[in-house]
PDB file of all heavy atoms in Angstrom:
ATOM      1  N   PRO A   1     110.353  94.700  78.000  1.00  0.00           N
ATOM      2  CA  PRO A   1     111.620  94.341  77.299  1.00  0.00           C
ATOM      3  C   PRO A   1     112.682  93.786  78.163  1.00  0.00           C
ATOM      4  O   PRO A   1     112.801  94.225  79.340  1.00  0.00           O
ATOM      5  CB  PRO A   1     112.038  95.683  76.717  1.00  0.00           C
ATOM      6  CG  PRO A   1     111.372  96.817  77.544  1.00  0.00           C
ATOM      7  CD  PRO A   1     110.099  96.188  77.997  1.00  0.00           C
ATOM      8  N   GLU A   2     113.570  92.830  77.657  1.00  0.00           N
ATOM      9  CA  GLU A   2     114.518  92.261  78.330  1.00  0.00           C
ATOM     10  C   GLU A   2     115.884  93.001  78.096  1.00  0.00           C
ATOM     11  O   GLU A   2     116.747  92.837  79.017  1.00  0.00           O
ATOM     12  CB  GLU A   2     114.779  90.879  77.770  1.00  0.00           C
ATOM     13  CG  GLU A   2     113.534  89.980  78.144  1.00  0.00           C
ATOM     14  CD  GLU A   2     113.774  88.496  77.542  1.00  0.00           C
ATOM     15  OE1 GLU A   2     114.832  88.359  76.898  1.00  0.00           O
ATOM     16  OE2 GLU A   2     112.892  87.590  77.769  1.00  0.00           O
ATOM     17  N   LYS A   3     115.986  93.980  77.197  1.00  0.00           N
ATOM     18  CA  LYS A   3     117.300  94.623  77.009  1.00  0.00           C
ATOM     19  C   LYS A   3     117.157  96.156  77.108  1.00  0.00           C
ATOM     20  O   LYS A   3     117.707  96.960  76.434  1.00  0.00           O
ATOM     21  CB  LYS A   3     117.825  94.315  75.569  1.00  0.00           C
ATOM     22  CG  LYS A   3     118.079  92.744  75.392  1.00  0.00           C
ATOM     23  CD  LYS A   3     118.565  92.571  73.916  1.00  0.00           C
ATOM     24  CE  LYS A   3     118.973  91.055  73.637  1.00  0.00           C
ATOM     25  NZ  LYS A   3     119.424  90.803  72.313  1.00  0.00           N
ATOM     26  N   ALA A   4     116.315  96.486  78.065  1.00  0.00           N
ATOM     27  CA  ALA A   4     116.162  97.895  78.450  1.00  0.00           C
ATOM     28  C   ALA A   4     116.131  98.032  79.946  1.00  0.00           C
ATOM     29  O   ALA A   4     115.669  97.199  80.640  1.00  0.00           O
ATOM     30  CB  ALA A   4     114.898  98.501  77.781  1.00  0.00           C
ATOM     31  N   ASP A   5     116.593  99.180  80.450  1.00  0.00           N
ATOM     32  CA  ASP A   5     116.674  99.429  81.874  1.00  0.00           C
ATOM     33  C   ASP A   5     115.463 100.311  82.300  1.00  0.00           C
ATOM     34  O   ASP A   5     115.275 100.327  83.568  1.00  0.00           O
ATOM     35  CB  ASP A   5     118.080 100.076  82.213  1.00  0.00           C
ATOM     36  CG  ASP A   5     119.204  99.240  82.070  1.00  0.00           C
ATOM     37  OD1 ASP A   5     119.089  98.001  82.270  1.00  0.00           O
ATOM     38  OD2 ASP A   5     120.253  99.707  81.529  1.00  0.00           O
ATOM     39  N   GLU A   6     114.820 100.919  81.419  1.00  0.00           N
ATOM     40  CA  GLU A   6     113.770 101.843  81.767  1.00  0.00           C
ATOM     41  C   GLU A   6     112.843 102.137  80.535  1.00  0.00           C
ATOM     42  O   GLU A   6     113.273 101.893  79.293  1.00  0.00           O
ATOM     43  CB  GLU A   6     114.228 103.189  82.243  1.00  0.00           C
ATOM     44  CG  GLU A   6     115.087 103.982  81.329  1.00  0.00           C
ATOM     45  CD  GLU A   6     115.651 105.346  81.938  1.00  0.00           C
ATOM     46  OE1 GLU A   6     115.782 105.256  83.108  1.00  0.00           O
ATOM     47  OE2 GLU A   6     115.987 106.189  81.142  1.00  0.00           O
ATOM     48  N   LEU A   7     111.708 102.534  80.773  1.00  0.00           N
ATOM     49  CA  LEU A   7     110.735 102.941  79.711  1.00  0.00           C
ATOM     50  C   LEU A   7     110.233 104.299  80.081  1.00  0.00           C
ATOM     51  O   LEU A   7     109.906 104.579  81.185  1.00  0.00           O
ATOM     52  CB  LEU A   7     109.509 101.903  79.753  1.00  0.00           C
ATOM     53  CG  LEU A   7     109.791 100.492  79.289  1.00  0.00           C
ATOM     54  CD1 LEU A   7     108.581  99.667  79.405  1.00  0.00           C
ATOM     55  CD2 LEU A   7     110.377 100.365  77.942  1.00  0.00           C
ATOM     56  N   VAL A   8     110.129 105.122  78.981  1.00  0.00           N
ATOM     57  CA  VAL A   8     109.712 106.472  79.069  1.00  0.00           C
ATOM     58  C   VAL A   8     108.343 106.654  78.503  1.00  0.00           C
ATOM     59  O   VAL A   8     108.068 106.260  77.465  1.00  0.00           O
ATOM     60  CB  VAL A   8     110.590 107.438  78.477  1.00  0.00           C
ATOM     61  CG1 VAL A   8     110.124 108.893  78.556  1.00  0.00           C
ATOM     62  CG2 VAL A   8     112.111 107.373  78.958  1.00  0.00           C
ATOM     63  N   PHE A   9     107.451 107.192  79.354  1.00  0.00           N
ATOM     64  CA  PHE A   9     106.006 107.452  78.958  1.00  0.00           C
ATOM     65  C   PHE A   9     105.750 108.928  79.016  1.00  0.00           C
ATOM     66  O   PHE A   9     105.881 109.587  80.095  1.00  0.00           O
ATOM     67  CB  PHE A   9     105.000 106.773  79.906  1.00  0.00           C
ATOM     68  CG  PHE A   9     105.207 105.247  79.973  1.00  0.00           C
ATOM     69  CD1 PHE A   9     106.122 104.727  80.847  1.00  0.00           C
ATOM     70  CD2 PHE A   9     104.416 104.409  79.169  1.00  0.00           C
ATOM     71  CE1 PHE A   9     106.256 103.365  81.019  1.00  0.00           C
ATOM     72  CE2 PHE A   9     104.597 103.031  79.303  1.00  0.00           C
ATOM     73  CZ  PHE A   9     105.468 102.453  80.190  1.00  0.00           C
ATOM     74  N   LYS A  10     105.521 109.474  77.816  1.00  0.00           N
ATOM     75  CA  LYS A  10     105.202 110.951  77.872  1.00  0.00           C
ATOM     76  C   LYS A  10     103.777 111.245  78.036  1.00  0.00           C
ATOM     77  O   LYS A  10     102.879 110.364  77.629  1.00  0.00           O
ATOM     78  CB  LYS A  10     105.590 111.551  76.506  1.00  0.00           C
ATOM     79  CG  LYS A  10     107.170 111.486  76.284  1.00  0.00           C
ATOM     80  CD  LYS A  10     107.649 112.173  74.959  1.00  0.00           C
ATOM     81  CE  LYS A  10     109.074 112.096  74.814  1.00  0.00           C
ATOM     82  NZ  LYS A  10     109.520 112.718  73.489  1.00  0.00           N
ATOM     83  N   ALA A  11     103.437 112.299  78.941  1.00  0.00           N
ATOM     84  CA  ALA A  11     102.040 112.402  79.424  1.00  0.00           C
ATOM     85  C   ALA A  11     101.612 113.927  79.078  1.00  0.00           C
ATOM     86  O   ALA A  11     102.387 114.806  79.272  1.00  0.00           O
ATOM     87  CB  ALA A  11     101.926 112.068  80.798  1.00  0.00           C
ATOM     88  N   LEU A  12     100.332 114.020  78.849  1.00  0.00           N
ATOM     89  CA  LEU A  12      99.629 115.381  78.741  1.00  0.00           C
ATOM     90  C   LEU A  12      98.578 115.440  79.725  1.00  0.00           C
ATOM     91  O   LEU A  12      97.775 114.554  79.762  1.00  0.00           O
ATOM     92  CB  LEU A  12      99.122 115.632  77.374  1.00  0.00           C
ATOM     93  CG  LEU A  12     100.103 115.567  76.170  1.00  0.00           C
ATOM     94  CD1 LEU A  12      99.319 115.845  74.885  1.00  0.00           C
ATOM     95  CD2 LEU A  12     101.181 116.502  76.297  1.00  0.00           C
ATOM     96  N   GLN A  13      98.570 116.434  80.575  1.00  0.00           N
ATOM     97  CA  GLN A  13      97.606 116.621  81.650  1.00  0.00           C
ATOM     98  C   GLN A  13      96.716 117.881  81.283  1.00  0.00           C
ATOM     99  O   GLN A  13      97.226 118.959  81.235  1.00  0.00           O
ATOM    100  CB  GLN A  13      98.251 116.771  83.104  1.00  0.00           C
ATOM    101  CG  GLN A  13      97.351 117.061  84.149  1.00  0.00           C
ATOM    102  CD  GLN A  13      98.142 117.220  85.427  1.00  0.00           C
ATOM    103  OE1 GLN A  13      99.355 117.387  85.513  1.00  0.00           O
ATOM    104  NE2 GLN A  13      97.442 117.184  86.638  1.00  0.00           N
ATOM    105  N   THR A  14      95.493 117.668  81.168  1.00  0.00           N
ATOM    106  CA  THR A  14      94.554 118.639  80.837  1.00  0.00           C
ATOM    107  C   THR A  14      93.650 119.099  81.947  1.00  0.00           C
ATOM    108  O   THR A  14      93.105 118.213  82.632  1.00  0.00           O
ATOM    109  CB  THR A  14      93.676 118.387  79.645  1.00  0.00           C
ATOM    110  OG1 THR A  14      94.512 118.010  78.424  1.00  0.00           O
ATOM    111  CG2 THR A  14      92.757 119.560  79.168  1.00  0.00           C
ATOM    112  N   TYR A  15      93.526 120.375  82.111  1.00  0.00           N
ATOM    113  CA  TYR A  15      92.666 120.843  83.307  1.00  0.00           C
ATOM    114  C   TYR A  15      91.272 121.516  82.720  1.00  0.00           C
ATOM    115  O   TYR A  15      91.126 121.581  81.513  1.00  0.00           O
ATOM    116  CB  TYR A  15      93.431 122.111  83.985  1.00  0.00           C
ATOM    117  CG  TYR A  15      94.484 121.595  84.905  1.00  0.00           C
ATOM    118  CD1 TYR A  15      95.912 121.567  84.373  1.00  0.00           C
ATOM    119  CD2 TYR A  15      94.333 121.329  86.157  1.00  0.00           C
ATOM    120  CE1 TYR A  15      96.899 121.049  85.230  1.00  0.00           C
ATOM    121  CE2 TYR A  15      95.332 120.860  86.931  1.00  0.00           C
ATOM    122  CZ  TYR A  15      96.725 120.726  86.498  1.00  0.00           C
ATOM    123  OH  TYR A  15      97.733 120.291  87.239  1.00  0.00           O
ATOM    124  N   SER A  16      90.360 121.589  83.675  1.00  0.00           N
ATOM    125  CA  SER A  16      89.012 122.054  83.261  1.00  0.00           C
ATOM    126  C   SER A  16      89.109 123.483  82.617  1.00  0.00           C
ATOM    127  O   SER A  16      88.076 123.812  81.944  1.00  0.00           O
ATOM    128  CB  SER A  16      88.084 122.035  84.558  1.00  0.00           C
ATOM    129  OG  SER A  16      88.607 122.728  85.489  1.00  0.00           O
ATOM    130  N   ASN A  17      90.139 124.267  82.919  1.00  0.00           N
ATOM    131  CA  ASN A  17      90.154 125.571  82.280  1.00  0.00           C
ATOM    132  C   ASN A  17      90.930 125.520  80.934  1.00  0.00           C
ATOM    133  O   ASN A  17      91.357 126.591  80.387  1.00  0.00           O
ATOM    134  CB  ASN A  17      90.870 126.591  83.171  1.00  0.00           C
ATOM    135  CG  ASN A  17      92.279 126.138  83.537  1.00  0.00           C
ATOM    136  OD1 ASN A  17      92.830 125.142  83.030  1.00  0.00           O
ATOM    137  ND2 ASN A  17      92.974 126.890  84.379  1.00  0.00           N
ATOM    138  N   LYS A  18      91.020 124.319  80.267  1.00  0.00           N
ATOM    139  CA  LYS A  18      91.656 124.171  79.061  1.00  0.00           C
ATOM    140  C   LYS A  18      93.221 124.263  79.067  1.00  0.00           C
ATOM    141  O   LYS A  18      93.932 124.058  78.002  1.00  0.00           O
ATOM    142  CB  LYS A  18      91.048 125.090  78.000  1.00  0.00           C
ATOM    143  CG  LYS A  18      89.579 125.129  77.904  1.00  0.00           C
ATOM    144  CD  LYS A  18      88.982 123.699  77.694  1.00  0.00           C
ATOM    145  CE  LYS A  18      87.495 123.802  77.615  1.00  0.00           C
ATOM    146  NZ  LYS A  18      86.855 122.355  77.468  1.00  0.00           N
ATOM    147  N   GLU A  19      93.858 124.475  80.201  1.00  0.00           N
ATOM    148  CA  GLU A  19      95.269 124.429  80.229  1.00  0.00           C
ATOM    149  C   GLU A  19      95.785 122.960  80.142  1.00  0.00           C
ATOM    150  O   GLU A  19      95.245 121.975  80.668  1.00  0.00           O
ATOM    151  CB  GLU A  19      95.755 124.913  81.640  1.00  0.00           C
ATOM    152  CG  GLU A  19      97.215 124.927  81.816  1.00  0.00           C
ATOM    153  CD  GLU A  19      97.705 125.239  83.225  1.00  0.00           C
ATOM    154  OE1 GLU A  19      96.740 125.376  84.193  1.00  0.00           O
ATOM    155  OE2 GLU A  19      98.866 125.359  83.483  1.00  0.00           O
ATOM    156  N   VAL A  20      96.848 122.861  79.270  1.00  0.00           N
ATOM    157  CA  VAL A  20      97.490 121.607  79.100  1.00  0.00           C
ATOM    158  C   VAL A  20      98.870 121.650  79.632  1.00  0.00           C
ATOM    159  O   VAL A  20      99.757 122.500  79.144  1.00  0.00           O
ATOM    160  CB  VAL A  20      97.518 121.123  77.609  1.00  0.00           C
ATOM    161  CG1 VAL A  20      98.155 119.876  77.384  1.00  0.00           C
ATOM    162  CG2 VAL A  20      95.973 121.132  77.120  1.00  0.00           C
ATOM    163  N   VAL A  21      99.261 120.728  80.420  1.00  0.00           N
ATOM    164  CA  VAL A  21     100.778 120.641  80.914  1.00  0.00           C
ATOM    165  C   VAL A  21     101.275 119.487  80.273  1.00  0.00           C
ATOM    166  O   VAL A  21     100.765 118.378  80.306  1.00  0.00           O
ATOM    167  CB  VAL A  21     100.712 120.508  82.379  1.00  0.00           C
ATOM    168  CG1 VAL A  21     102.256 120.476  82.893  1.00  0.00           C
ATOM    169  CG2 VAL A  21     100.059 121.716  83.136  1.00  0.00           C
ATOM    170  N   ARG A  22     102.510 119.658  79.638  1.00  0.00           N
ATOM    171  CA  ARG A  22     103.073 118.536  78.762  1.00  0.00           C
ATOM    172  C   ARG A  22     104.301 118.001  79.553  1.00  0.00           C
ATOM    173  O   ARG A  22     105.285 118.599  79.736  1.00  0.00           O
ATOM    174  CB  ARG A  22     103.652 119.168  77.461  1.00  0.00           C
ATOM    175  CG  ARG A  22     102.430 119.693  76.672  1.00  0.00           C
ATOM    176  CD  ARG A  22     102.996 120.546  75.443  1.00  0.00           C
ATOM    177  NE  ARG A  22     103.733 119.767  74.581  1.00  0.00           N
ATOM    178  CZ  ARG A  22     103.127 119.098  73.653  1.00  0.00           C
ATOM    179  NH1 ARG A  22     101.723 119.002  73.346  1.00  0.00           N
ATOM    180  NH2 ARG A  22     103.888 118.199  72.827  1.00  0.00           N
ATOM    181  N   TRP A  23     104.086 116.809  80.184  1.00  0.00           N
ATOM    182  CA  TRP A  23     105.161 116.149  80.905  1.00  0.00           C
ATOM    183  C   TRP A  23     105.934 115.176  79.964  1.00  0.00           C
ATOM    184  O   TRP A  23     105.698 113.992  79.848  1.00  0.00           O
ATOM    185  CB  TRP A  23     104.532 115.212  81.998  1.00  0.00           C
ATOM    186  CG  TRP A  23     103.687 116.089  82.937  1.00  0.00           C
ATOM    187  CD1 TRP A  23     102.289 116.148  83.042  1.00  0.00           C
ATOM    188  CD2 TRP A  23     104.173 116.972  84.062  1.00  0.00           C
ATOM    189  NE1 TRP A  23     101.947 117.005  84.007  1.00  0.00           N
ATOM    190  CE2 TRP A  23     102.981 117.455  84.661  1.00  0.00           C
ATOM    191  CE3 TRP A  23     105.395 117.260  84.492  1.00  0.00           C
ATOM    192  CZ2 TRP A  23     103.150 118.413  85.700  1.00  0.00           C
ATOM    193  CZ3 TRP A  23     105.535 118.140  85.637  1.00  0.00           C
ATOM    194  CH2 TRP A  23     104.396 118.626  86.231  1.00  0.00           C
ATOM    195  N   ILE A  24     106.715 115.819  79.159  1.00  0.00           N
ATOM    196  CA  ILE A  24     107.350 115.155  78.019  1.00  0.00           C
ATOM    197  C   ILE A  24     108.904 115.266  78.000  1.00  0.00           C
ATOM    198  O   ILE A  24     109.532 114.716  77.089  1.00  0.00           O
ATOM    199  CB  ILE A  24     106.840 115.682  76.691  1.00  0.00           C
ATOM    200  CG1 ILE A  24     107.157 117.126  76.492  1.00  0.00           C
ATOM    201  CG2 ILE A  24     105.301 115.394  76.639  1.00  0.00           C
ATOM    202  CD1 ILE A  24     106.793 117.615  75.178  1.00  0.00           C
ATOM    203  N   GLU A  25     109.468 116.071  78.918  1.00  0.00           N
ATOM    204  CA  GLU A  25     110.989 116.154  78.952  1.00  0.00           C
ATOM    205  C   GLU A  25     111.606 114.880  79.415  1.00  0.00           C
ATOM    206  O   GLU A  25     111.394 114.555  80.600  1.00  0.00           O
ATOM    207  CB  GLU A  25     111.321 117.425  79.723  1.00  0.00           C
ATOM    208  CG  GLU A  25     110.827 118.627  79.047  1.00  0.00           C
ATOM    209  CD  GLU A  25     111.002 119.890  79.945  1.00  0.00           C
ATOM    210  OE1 GLU A  25     111.865 119.805  80.893  1.00  0.00           O
ATOM    211  OE2 GLU A  25     110.515 121.016  79.500  1.00  0.00           O
ATOM    212  N   VAL A  26     112.571 114.225  78.720  1.00  0.00           N
ATOM    213  CA  VAL A  26     113.209 113.098  79.180  1.00  0.00           C
ATOM    214  C   VAL A  26     114.340 113.386  80.075  1.00  0.00           C
ATOM    215  O   VAL A  26     115.278 114.089  79.719  1.00  0.00           O
ATOM    216  CB  VAL A  26     113.703 112.254  77.955  1.00  0.00           C
ATOM    217  CG1 VAL A  26     114.356 111.009  78.475  1.00  0.00           C
ATOM    218  CG2 VAL A  26     112.571 111.958  77.020  1.00  0.00           C
ATOM    219  N   PRO A  27     114.303 112.877  81.396  1.00  0.00           N
ATOM    220  CA  PRO A  27     115.466 113.188  82.328  1.00  0.00           C
ATOM    221  C   PRO A  27     116.738 112.487  81.795  1.00  0.00           C
ATOM    222  O   PRO A  27     116.708 111.525  81.168  1.00  0.00           O
ATOM    223  CB  PRO A  27     114.986 112.462  83.625  1.00  0.00           C
ATOM    224  CG  PRO A  27     113.528 112.396  83.528  1.00  0.00           C
ATOM    225  CD  PRO A  27     113.279 112.206  82.027  1.00  0.00           C
ATOM    226  N   GLN A  28     117.804 113.257  81.913  1.00  0.00           N
ATOM    227  CA  GLN A  28     119.158 112.741  81.503  1.00  0.00           C
ATOM    228  C   GLN A  28     120.008 112.558  82.654  1.00  0.00           C
ATOM    229  O   GLN A  28     120.042 113.303  83.615  1.00  0.00           O
ATOM    230  CB  GLN A  28     119.819 113.915  80.599  1.00  0.00           C
ATOM    231  CG  GLN A  28     118.989 114.188  79.380  1.00  0.00           C
ATOM    232  CD  GLN A  28     118.829 113.061  78.405  1.00  0.00           C
ATOM    233  OE1 GLN A  28     119.722 112.131  78.240  1.00  0.00           O
ATOM    234  NE2 GLN A  28     117.685 113.017  77.758  1.00  0.00           N
ATOM    235  N   GLU A  29     120.752 111.331  82.665  1.00  0.00           N
ATOM    236  CA  GLU A  29     121.543 110.954  83.836  1.00  0.00           C
ATOM    237  C   GLU A  29     122.697 112.071  83.963  1.00  0.00           C
ATOM    238  O   GLU A  29     123.303 112.527  83.041  1.00  0.00           O
ATOM    239  CB  GLU A  29     122.224 109.561  83.471  1.00  0.00           C
ATOM    240  CG  GLU A  29     123.049 108.968  84.627  1.00  0.00           C
ATOM    241  CD  GLU A  29     123.521 107.665  84.452  1.00  0.00           C
ATOM    242  OE1 GLU A  29     123.148 107.106  83.366  1.00  0.00           O
ATOM    243  OE2 GLU A  29     124.276 107.140  85.259  1.00  0.00           O
ATOM    244  N   GLY A  30     122.935 112.375  85.253  1.00  0.00           N
ATOM    245  CA  GLY A  30     123.963 113.404  85.649  1.00  0.00           C
ATOM    246  C   GLY A  30     123.436 114.802  85.465  1.00  0.00           C
ATOM    247  O   GLY A  30     124.316 115.706  85.727  1.00  0.00           O
ATOM    248  N   GLN A  31     122.292 115.025  84.984  1.00  0.00           N
ATOM    249  CA  GLN A  31     121.801 116.406  85.019  1.00  0.00           C
ATOM    250  C   GLN A  31     120.624 116.611  85.849  1.00  0.00           C
ATOM    251  O   GLN A  31     119.997 115.698  86.325  1.00  0.00           O
ATOM    252  CB  GLN A  31     121.305 116.682  83.516  1.00  0.00           C
ATOM    253  CG  GLN A  31     122.457 116.580  82.391  1.00  0.00           C
ATOM    254  CD  GLN A  31     122.007 116.960  81.053  1.00  0.00           C
ATOM    255  OE1 GLN A  31     120.840 117.362  80.826  1.00  0.00           O
ATOM    256  NE2 GLN A  31     122.818 116.636  80.059  1.00  0.00           N
ATOM    257  N   GLU A  32     120.243 117.810  86.086  1.00  0.00           N
ATOM    258  CA  GLU A  32     119.162 118.222  86.992  1.00  0.00           C
ATOM    259  C   GLU A  32     117.830 117.809  86.271  1.00  0.00           C
ATOM    260  O   GLU A  32     117.805 117.792  85.119  1.00  0.00           O
ATOM    261  CB  GLU A  32     119.104 119.808  87.315  1.00  0.00           C
ATOM    262  CG  GLU A  32     120.279 120.241  88.126  1.00  0.00           C
ATOM    263  CD  GLU A  32     120.110 121.732  88.485  1.00  0.00           C
ATOM    264  OE1 GLU A  32     119.131 122.321  88.061  1.00  0.00           O
ATOM    265  OE2 GLU A  32     121.029 122.228  89.205  1.00  0.00           O
ATOM    266  N   GLU A  33     116.914 117.493  87.238  1.00  0.00           N
ATOM    267  CA  GLU A  33     115.594 117.055  86.645  1.00  0.00           C
ATOM    268  C   GLU A  33     114.976 118.288  85.841  1.00  0.00           C
ATOM    269  O   GLU A  33     114.989 119.322  86.398  1.00  0.00           O
ATOM    270  CB  GLU A  33     114.717 116.671  87.816  1.00  0.00           C
ATOM    271  CG  GLU A  33     113.334 116.128  87.315  1.00  0.00           C
ATOM    272  CD  GLU A  33     112.402 115.709  88.488  1.00  0.00           C
ATOM    273  OE1 GLU A  33     111.987 116.537  89.206  1.00  0.00           O
ATOM    274  OE2 GLU A  33     112.253 114.397  88.588  1.00  0.00           O
ATOM    275  N   PRO A  34     114.367 117.989  84.799  1.00  0.00           N
ATOM    276  CA  PRO A  34     113.778 119.063  83.893  1.00  0.00           C
ATOM    277  C   PRO A  34     112.500 119.528  84.633  1.00  0.00           C
ATOM    278  O   PRO A  34     112.033 118.985  85.571  1.00  0.00           O
ATOM    279  CB  PRO A  34     113.501 118.414  82.537  1.00  0.00           C
ATOM    280  CG  PRO A  34     113.389 116.898  82.976  1.00  0.00           C
ATOM    281  CD  PRO A  34     114.368 116.751  84.031  1.00  0.00           C
ATOM    282  N   ASP A  35     112.071 120.738  84.181  1.00  0.00           N
ATOM    283  CA  ASP A  35     110.792 121.285  84.723  1.00  0.00           C
ATOM    284  C   ASP A  35     109.585 120.375  84.553  1.00  0.00           C
ATOM    285  O   ASP A  35     108.781 120.384  85.360  1.00  0.00           O
ATOM    286  CB  ASP A  35     110.604 122.730  84.168  1.00  0.00           C
ATOM    287  CG  ASP A  35     111.719 123.672  84.498  1.00  0.00           C
ATOM    288  OD1 ASP A  35     112.336 123.488  85.670  1.00  0.00           O
ATOM    289  OD2 ASP A  35     111.902 124.674  83.751  1.00  0.00           O
ATOM    290  N   PHE A  36     109.478 119.775  83.344  1.00  0.00           N
ATOM    291  CA  PHE A  36     108.332 118.975  83.090  1.00  0.00           C
ATOM    292  C   PHE A  36     108.781 117.618  82.727  1.00  0.00           C
ATOM    293  O   PHE A  36     108.708 117.146  81.531  1.00  0.00           O
ATOM    294  CB  PHE A  36     107.554 119.626  81.981  1.00  0.00           C
ATOM    295  CG  PHE A  36     107.027 120.962  82.393  1.00  0.00           C
ATOM    296  CD1 PHE A  36     107.711 122.165  82.077  1.00  0.00           C
ATOM    297  CD2 PHE A  36     105.914 121.108  83.171  1.00  0.00           C
ATOM    298  CE1 PHE A  36     107.239 123.348  82.385  1.00  0.00           C
ATOM    299  CE2 PHE A  36     105.401 122.401  83.463  1.00  0.00           C
ATOM    300  CZ  PHE A  36     106.011 123.482  83.156  1.00  0.00           C
ATOM    301  N   PRO A  37     109.244 116.809  83.672  1.00  0.00           N
ATOM    302  CA  PRO A  37     109.813 115.400  83.328  1.00  0.00           C
ATOM    303  C   PRO A  37     108.755 114.459  82.910  1.00  0.00           C
ATOM    304  O   PRO A  37     107.718 114.498  83.446  1.00  0.00           O
ATOM    305  CB  PRO A  37     110.543 115.046  84.619  1.00  0.00           C
ATOM    306  CG  PRO A  37     109.685 115.761  85.656  1.00  0.00           C
ATOM    307  CD  PRO A  37     109.349 117.081  85.130  1.00  0.00           C
ATOM    308  N   ALA A  38     109.078 113.602  81.888  1.00  0.00           N
ATOM    309  CA  ALA A  38     108.134 112.574  81.540  1.00  0.00           C
ATOM    310  C   ALA A  38     108.289 111.444  82.544  1.00  0.00           C
ATOM    311  O   ALA A  38     109.295 111.248  83.147  1.00  0.00           O
ATOM    312  CB  ALA A  38     108.631 112.045  80.151  1.00  0.00           C
TER     313      ALA A  38
END
């Protein structure tokens, strides 16, 4: 895109023990990085 400064891609990471980690939290400017940033 020509009128955007960034693109956010949300991701799910699955392990062989069936655990799923959801990297879907959108970082906000001026705030600390979330625990599971997208």
